[in-house]
Protein backbone atom coordinates (compact mmCIF):
# COMPACT_ATOMS: atom_id res chain seq x y z
CA MET A 1 -8.52 -15.52 21.16
CA SER A 2 -6.93 -15.13 17.81
CA ILE A 3 -6.30 -12.25 15.49
CA GLU A 4 -9.27 -13.09 13.42
CA GLN A 5 -11.46 -13.85 16.22
CA ASN A 6 -10.21 -10.74 18.20
CA ILE A 7 -11.25 -8.99 14.41
CA ARG A 8 -14.60 -10.30 14.16
CA GLU A 9 -15.94 -9.09 17.88
CA ILE A 10 -14.80 -5.94 17.60
CA SER A 11 -16.71 -5.14 13.83
CA ARG A 12 -19.94 -7.27 15.22
CA LYS A 13 -19.85 -4.47 18.61
CA LEU A 14 -19.30 -1.19 16.33
CA LEU A 15 -22.16 -2.48 13.97
CA SER A 16 -24.37 -3.58 16.56
CA ASP A 17 -23.74 -0.66 18.28
CA GLY A 18 -24.42 1.59 15.78
CA VAL A 19 -20.49 3.32 16.24
CA VAL A 20 -20.02 2.36 12.37
CA ASP A 21 -22.49 2.11 9.34
CA LEU A 22 -20.03 -0.28 7.65
CA ILE A 23 -16.56 -2.39 8.15
CA ILE A 24 -14.07 -2.92 5.50
CA GLY A 25 -11.89 -5.80 5.90
CA TYR A 26 -10.23 -8.46 4.34
CA GLY A 27 -12.48 -12.10 2.70
CA GLN A 28 -11.18 -14.97 1.76
CA GLY A 29 -10.16 -14.72 -1.97
CA THR A 30 -10.86 -17.01 -5.20
CA LEU A 31 -7.45 -18.54 -4.67
CA PRO A 32 -5.85 -20.15 -1.54
CA TYR A 33 -3.01 -17.26 -0.99
CA ALA A 34 -5.67 -14.77 -1.65
CA THR A 35 -7.58 -12.19 0.13
CA THR A 36 -10.28 -9.34 -1.21
CA PRO A 37 -11.95 -6.54 0.32
CA VAL A 38 -14.88 -7.37 2.22
CA PHE A 39 -18.13 -4.54 3.05
CA ILE A 40 -19.89 -5.65 5.92
CA ARG A 41 -22.77 -3.97 6.39
CA ASN A 42 -24.43 -6.29 9.00
CA ALA A 43 -23.11 -7.72 12.26
CA ASP A 44 -24.66 -10.78 11.17
CA ASP A 45 -21.63 -11.38 8.85
CA VAL A 46 -18.64 -10.66 10.15
CA GLU A 47 -18.04 -14.12 10.03
CA GLN A 48 -16.62 -13.18 6.75
CA LEU A 49 -13.57 -11.04 7.84
CA ILE A 50 -10.40 -13.38 7.64
CA TRP A 51 -6.82 -12.50 9.22
CA ASN A 52 -4.11 -14.21 7.21
CA PRO A 53 -0.42 -13.12 6.38
CA CYS A 54 -2.26 -12.62 2.39
CA CYS A 55 -4.11 -9.67 3.47
CA THR A 56 -2.45 -7.35 1.37
CA ASN A 57 -4.84 -4.88 -0.06
CA ASN A 58 -3.96 -1.25 0.98
CA LEU A 59 -7.70 -0.71 2.49
CA ALA A 60 -7.26 3.09 2.56
CA LEU A 61 -8.08 3.05 -0.44
CA TYR A 62 -11.66 1.72 -0.47
CA VAL A 63 -12.36 4.24 2.64
CA ARG A 64 -11.93 6.81 0.53
CA ARG A 65 -13.90 5.74 -2.65
CA GLU A 66 -16.81 4.70 0.10
CA LEU A 67 -16.52 7.74 1.70
CA GLU A 68 -17.01 9.89 -1.56
CA GLN A 69 -19.52 8.32 -3.25
CA ALA A 70 -21.59 8.76 -0.05
CA ASN A 71 -20.94 12.58 -0.46
CA LYS A 72 -22.04 12.47 -3.35
CA LYS A 73 -25.64 10.86 -2.39
CA LYS A 74 -28.43 14.19 -1.24
CA ASP A 75 -30.00 14.03 2.18
CA ALA A 76 -27.81 11.38 3.03
CA ARG A 77 -26.41 11.67 6.89
CA PRO A 78 -22.79 11.06 7.10
CA LEU A 79 -21.34 7.58 6.91
CA LYS A 80 -18.67 6.21 9.16
CA ILE A 81 -16.53 3.31 8.29
CA GLY A 82 -14.32 0.98 10.78
CA VAL A 83 -11.71 -0.61 9.18
CA VAL A 84 -8.91 -2.95 9.38
CA THR A 85 -5.65 -1.41 9.37
CA LYS A 86 -2.20 -2.98 9.32
CA LYS A 87 0.37 0.08 9.81
CA CYS A 88 0.71 0.77 5.99
CA ASP A 89 -2.69 1.43 5.91
CA ALA A 90 -3.26 3.31 8.38
CA LYS A 91 -0.05 5.37 6.94
CA ALA A 92 -1.42 6.63 4.28
CA MET A 93 -4.81 7.16 6.06
CA VAL A 94 -2.98 9.94 7.38
CA GLU A 95 -1.75 11.05 4.11
CA LEU A 96 -5.64 11.25 3.08
CA ILE A 97 -6.72 12.89 5.84
CA ARG A 98 -3.53 15.85 5.42
CA GLU A 99 -4.94 16.11 1.87
CA ASN A 100 -7.81 16.96 3.04
CA GLN A 101 -9.42 13.73 0.96
CA LEU A 102 -10.72 12.07 4.69
CA LYS A 103 -11.74 13.52 7.83
CA ARG A 104 -10.95 11.54 11.06
CA GLU A 105 -14.24 12.00 12.33
CA SER A 106 -15.78 9.33 9.82
CA ILE A 107 -13.08 6.21 10.35
CA VAL A 108 -12.86 3.72 13.22
CA VAL A 109 -9.14 2.25 12.93
CA ILE A 110 -9.14 -1.28 13.94
CA ALA A 111 -5.53 -1.65 14.41
CA VAL A 112 -4.02 -5.03 13.52
CA PRO A 113 -0.18 -5.92 14.98
CA CYS A 114 0.86 -7.42 11.56
CA SER A 115 4.18 -9.11 10.47
CA GLY A 116 4.66 -8.92 7.38
CA MET A 117 2.51 -9.72 4.15
CA LEU A 118 3.95 -12.51 2.23
CA ASP A 119 4.67 -12.07 -1.80
CA LYS A 120 2.72 -13.83 -3.84
CA ALA A 121 5.57 -14.07 -6.66
CA LYS A 122 8.25 -15.08 -4.84
CA LEU A 123 5.21 -18.00 -3.72
CA HIS A 124 5.50 -18.92 -6.95
CA LYS A 125 8.37 -19.04 -7.83
CA ARG A 126 9.34 -21.17 -4.43
CA ALA A 127 6.99 -23.49 -6.10
CA GLY A 128 8.62 -23.80 -9.06
CA ASP A 129 5.59 -22.20 -10.83
CA ARG A 130 3.58 -25.12 -10.81
CA GLU A 131 -0.09 -24.49 -9.72
CA LEU A 132 -0.85 -23.42 -5.52
CA LEU A 133 -3.62 -25.26 -3.53
CA ARG A 134 -2.83 -24.77 -0.33
CA VAL A 135 -0.83 -22.16 1.46
CA GLU A 136 -0.40 -22.58 5.32
CA VAL A 137 1.16 -20.58 7.09
CA SER A 138 2.64 -21.91 10.97
CA GLY A 139 5.22 -19.50 12.82
CA SER A 140 7.79 -19.04 10.74
CA GLU A 141 6.97 -21.88 8.58
CA VAL A 142 5.21 -21.86 4.94
CA ILE A 143 3.35 -25.03 3.33
CA LEU A 144 3.21 -24.77 -0.54
CA ALA A 145 1.11 -27.65 -1.56
CA GLY A 146 -0.22 -28.48 -4.84
CA ARG A 147 -1.39 -31.49 -7.48
CA GLY A 148 2.33 -33.83 -6.68
CA PHE A 149 4.10 -31.60 -4.16
CA GLU A 150 4.47 -30.08 -0.66
CA ILE A 151 7.65 -28.02 0.23
CA LYS A 152 8.07 -25.92 3.31
CA VAL A 153 9.87 -22.71 2.94
CA ASN A 154 11.26 -20.35 5.82
CA ARG A 155 8.89 -17.07 5.99
CA ASP A 156 11.45 -15.04 6.34
CA GLU A 157 11.73 -15.83 2.68
CA VAL A 158 8.68 -15.02 1.37
CA LEU A 159 7.58 -11.34 2.65
CA ARG A 160 7.20 -8.85 0.37
CA ASP A 161 10.50 -6.49 0.18
CA ASN A 162 8.39 -3.84 1.93
CA CYS A 163 7.46 -5.47 4.89
CA LEU A 164 10.72 -6.33 5.10
CA VAL A 165 11.81 -2.32 5.66
CA CYS A 166 8.87 -1.89 7.90
CA LYS A 167 9.94 -0.76 10.85
CA ASP A 168 7.75 -1.26 13.71
CA PRO A 169 4.78 -2.69 12.48
CA GLU A 170 2.61 -2.66 15.72
CA SER A 171 3.31 0.44 16.15
CA LEU A 172 0.33 2.87 14.14
CA PRO A 173 -0.41 6.47 13.75
CA ILE A 174 -3.33 6.44 14.15
CA ALA A 175 -5.56 3.70 16.22
CA ASP A 176 -9.16 3.54 17.88
CA GLU A 177 -10.20 -0.12 18.39
CA ILE A 178 -6.56 -2.16 18.64
CA VAL A 179 -6.55 -5.91 17.75
CA VAL A 180 -4.31 -7.04 21.43
CA GLU A 181 -3.65 -10.80 20.45
CA LYS A 182 -0.25 -10.81 17.80
CA ASP A 183 0.98 -13.76 15.79
CA ASP A 184 3.45 -15.81 17.37
CA TYR A 185 5.84 -14.97 14.40
CA LYS A 186 8.61 -12.52 15.21
CA LYS A 187 8.84 -10.71 11.55
CA PRO A 188 13.15 -9.96 10.82
CA TYR A 189 13.85 -6.45 10.65
CA VAL A 190 16.29 -5.36 7.93
CA GLU A 191 17.56 -1.63 8.24
CA ASP A 192 16.56 -0.01 5.44
CA ASP A 193 19.93 2.02 4.32
CA PHE A 194 18.27 2.90 0.73
CA SER A 195 21.25 0.98 -0.22
CA ASP A 196 19.66 0.21 -3.93
CA VAL A 197 18.90 3.93 -4.20
CA LYS A 198 21.81 4.40 -3.41
CA GLU A 199 23.55 2.58 -6.13
CA HIS A 200 21.34 3.50 -8.32
CA GLU A 201 22.69 6.95 -7.78
CA LYS A 202 26.37 6.03 -8.59
CA LEU A 203 24.79 5.87 -12.09
CA SER A 204 25.47 8.83 -14.44
CA PRO A 205 22.20 10.46 -15.89
CA GLN A 206 22.67 8.38 -19.38
CA GLU A 207 23.05 4.59 -17.32
CA ARG A 208 20.66 5.75 -15.17
CA TRP A 209 17.99 6.97 -18.22
CA ALA A 210 18.55 3.51 -20.16
CA VAL A 211 18.00 1.58 -16.77
CA PHE A 212 14.55 3.34 -16.17
CA ARG A 213 13.72 2.77 -20.25
CA ALA A 214 14.88 -0.77 -19.68
CA GLU A 215 12.44 -1.39 -17.23
CA PHE A 216 9.54 0.27 -18.55
CA GLU A 217 9.44 -0.71 -21.87
CA ASN A 218 7.34 -3.71 -20.93
CA CYS A 219 4.98 -1.37 -19.46
CA ILE A 220 1.89 -2.21 -21.45
CA ARG A 221 -0.02 0.70 -19.53
CA CYS A 222 -2.95 -1.42 -17.70
CA TYR A 223 -2.69 1.32 -15.38
CA ALA A 224 -3.19 -1.19 -12.11
CA CYS A 225 -0.33 0.66 -10.33
CA ARG A 226 -2.43 3.41 -10.75
CA ASN A 227 -5.83 2.03 -9.84
CA ALA A 228 -4.16 0.25 -6.96
CA CYS A 229 -2.71 3.16 -5.02
CA PRO A 230 -4.41 5.03 -2.53
CA MET A 231 -2.78 7.74 -2.99
CA CYS A 232 -3.93 8.10 -6.56
CA TYR A 233 -7.34 9.74 -5.97
CA CYS A 234 -8.22 12.67 -8.85
CA SER A 235 -11.14 12.12 -11.12
CA GLU A 236 -9.81 13.01 -14.19
CA CYS A 237 -6.34 11.37 -14.26
CA PHE A 238 -3.30 13.11 -16.15
CA ALA A 239 -3.24 10.13 -18.94
CA GLU A 240 -6.84 9.98 -20.17
CA CYS A 241 -7.50 13.96 -19.61
CA SER A 242 -8.15 15.40 -23.13
CA GLN A 243 -8.11 18.88 -22.46
CA PRO A 244 -5.08 19.57 -22.74
CA ARG A 245 -3.98 16.03 -23.90
CA TRP A 246 -0.74 15.41 -21.98
CA LEU A 247 0.07 12.40 -23.90
CA GLY A 248 -0.94 9.20 -26.54
CA GLY A 249 -3.20 6.64 -25.41
CA SER A 250 -1.07 4.32 -27.08
CA VAL A 251 1.46 1.91 -25.69
CA GLU A 252 4.29 3.51 -27.72
CA LEU A 253 7.47 3.80 -25.25
CA LYS A 254 7.27 7.92 -25.20
CA ASP A 255 4.03 7.63 -23.74
CA VAL A 256 4.69 4.76 -21.35
CA LEU A 257 7.80 6.71 -19.84
CA PHE A 258 6.04 9.79 -19.49
CA PHE A 259 3.05 8.52 -17.38
CA GLN A 260 5.51 6.42 -15.02
CA ILE A 261 7.30 9.66 -14.90
CA VAL A 262 4.65 11.94 -13.58
CA ARG A 263 2.92 9.14 -11.83
CA VAL A 264 6.01 9.07 -9.84
CA LEU A 265 6.36 12.03 -9.60
CA HIS A 266 3.14 12.57 -8.09
CA GLN A 267 4.30 10.50 -5.32
CA ALA A 268 6.97 12.84 -3.95
CA GLY A 269 6.24 12.62 -0.13
CA ARG A 270 2.94 10.59 -0.04
CA CYS A 271 4.30 7.20 -1.00
CA VAL A 272 3.88 5.06 2.18
CA ASP A 273 5.64 2.49 0.50
CA CYS A 274 2.52 -0.04 1.19
CA GLY A 275 3.90 -1.82 -1.73
CA ALA A 276 0.41 -2.17 -4.14
CA CYS A 277 1.53 -0.60 -7.21
CA ALA A 278 4.11 -3.37 -7.26
CA ALA A 279 1.79 -5.89 -6.12
CA ALA A 280 -0.79 -5.37 -8.62
CA CYS A 281 1.80 -4.91 -11.60
CA PRO A 282 1.37 -8.30 -14.27
CA MET A 283 4.54 -7.54 -15.83
CA ASP A 284 6.55 -7.76 -12.45
CA LEU A 285 8.17 -4.41 -12.91
CA ASP A 286 10.59 -2.76 -10.32
CA ILE A 287 7.93 0.12 -9.71
CA ARG A 288 9.02 0.74 -5.96
CA LYS A 289 12.82 1.50 -6.54
CA TYR A 290 11.48 4.94 -8.50
CA THR A 291 9.00 5.97 -5.06
CA ARG A 292 11.61 4.47 -2.46
CA LYS A 293 14.10 7.33 -4.30
CA LEU A 294 11.59 9.95 -3.45
CA ASN A 295 11.24 8.97 -0.22
CA TYR A 296 14.71 8.78 0.60
CA ASP A 297 15.18 12.98 -1.20
CA ALA A 298 12.15 13.29 1.12
CA LEU A 299 13.76 12.25 4.58
CA ASN A 300 17.39 12.75 3.54
CA ILE A 301 17.16 16.57 2.05
CA PHE A 302 13.52 17.78 4.12
CA ARG A 303 13.78 15.05 6.80
CA PHE A 304 10.32 13.94 6.70
CA GLU A 305 8.86 10.91 6.66
CA THR A 306 5.32 9.99 5.47
CA GLY A 307 2.55 8.55 7.44
CA VAL A 308 4.09 9.79 10.56
CA SER A 309 0.81 12.33 11.86
CA PRO A 310 -2.21 13.72 10.60
CA ASP A 311 -1.25 16.80 12.19
CA ASP A 312 1.48 17.64 10.29
CA LYS A 313 1.29 19.59 7.14
CA PRO A 314 2.30 17.56 3.48
CA LEU A 315 6.04 17.78 2.47
CA LEU A 316 4.89 20.11 -0.62
CA ALA A 317 2.94 22.43 1.72
CA THR A 318 5.79 23.37 3.92
CA PHE A 319 8.52 26.00 3.83
CA SER A 320 11.23 25.75 5.62
CA ILE A 321 14.36 28.26 5.71
CA ASP A 322 16.92 25.99 6.05
CA ASP A 323 15.81 23.74 3.23
CA THR A 324 18.90 23.05 0.81
CA GLN A 325 18.54 25.08 -2.05
CA GLU A 326 21.38 23.39 -3.88
CA PHE A 327 19.11 23.73 -6.87
CA ILE A 328 19.83 27.35 -7.13
CA THR A 329 23.20 27.74 -9.09
CA GLU A 330 24.98 31.40 -9.64
CA PRO A 331 25.53 32.75 -13.03
CA GLU A 332 28.57 32.46 -14.39
């Protein structure tokens, strides 16, 4: 039985037995290499569920939204959701549970062993930006085909950057139903030494600001990064708040930079490095560079890693007498 068949059978049983009211998983998208979130309420519809290395969306985002909408309905019984989950989705749900945005008893986690997801930008680059009509994955090989061309590339070369540094992707922090089948492909693991962050830290404050400014001057403030992030759940974003108004609604550089600075800071101790923000960005901005900096600081300074256990307190809600206080200086 394949991973896909395993997911369908588990989902069919959960729906048929009345354990859950809804299954959130992946279905075929409009492009050959794309998937889309699907919402299955009837056991007869589980054949819509698919699994492949293009299942990139972080489904924790949709779980929270569905539960939020259900809770707004009067006299509605509690909704229980089954969700197809890879490691980064599970880590996001852990953080949402810690922040009281999800109740553990409201979800059934269908844990799927993940071998890494394909990067759409890398696929297009390897295809020479030609239209892709077929993307097939077989073991460690990916076949890219379109009008008049067919090329083969190593799967390792077109994985998402965040997948390459994902340690032990088959081990999920929360799981209820476990898909026992595994991909025959073994994903390479690159030890995440945060070398990119350390290189950036070597720059002077003025140089770092110049790099940040140059990167985000191309931002069009479409909010795709915010909307794709499972940890951005405020009912009213500061960027759209009018009382008080924090920033203008234009794409002037000062407004763009302020939005990006605050957006990144809001991810301190919360970002699970799922790559959803970078994948959603239509301008191909290096958004992960700055959330990774915060992850590095959380780990290096406070020994805190996101998405490990729902029983732990959030980073910004904890205090230890041993916490570093280097920011406090003696008056001269």
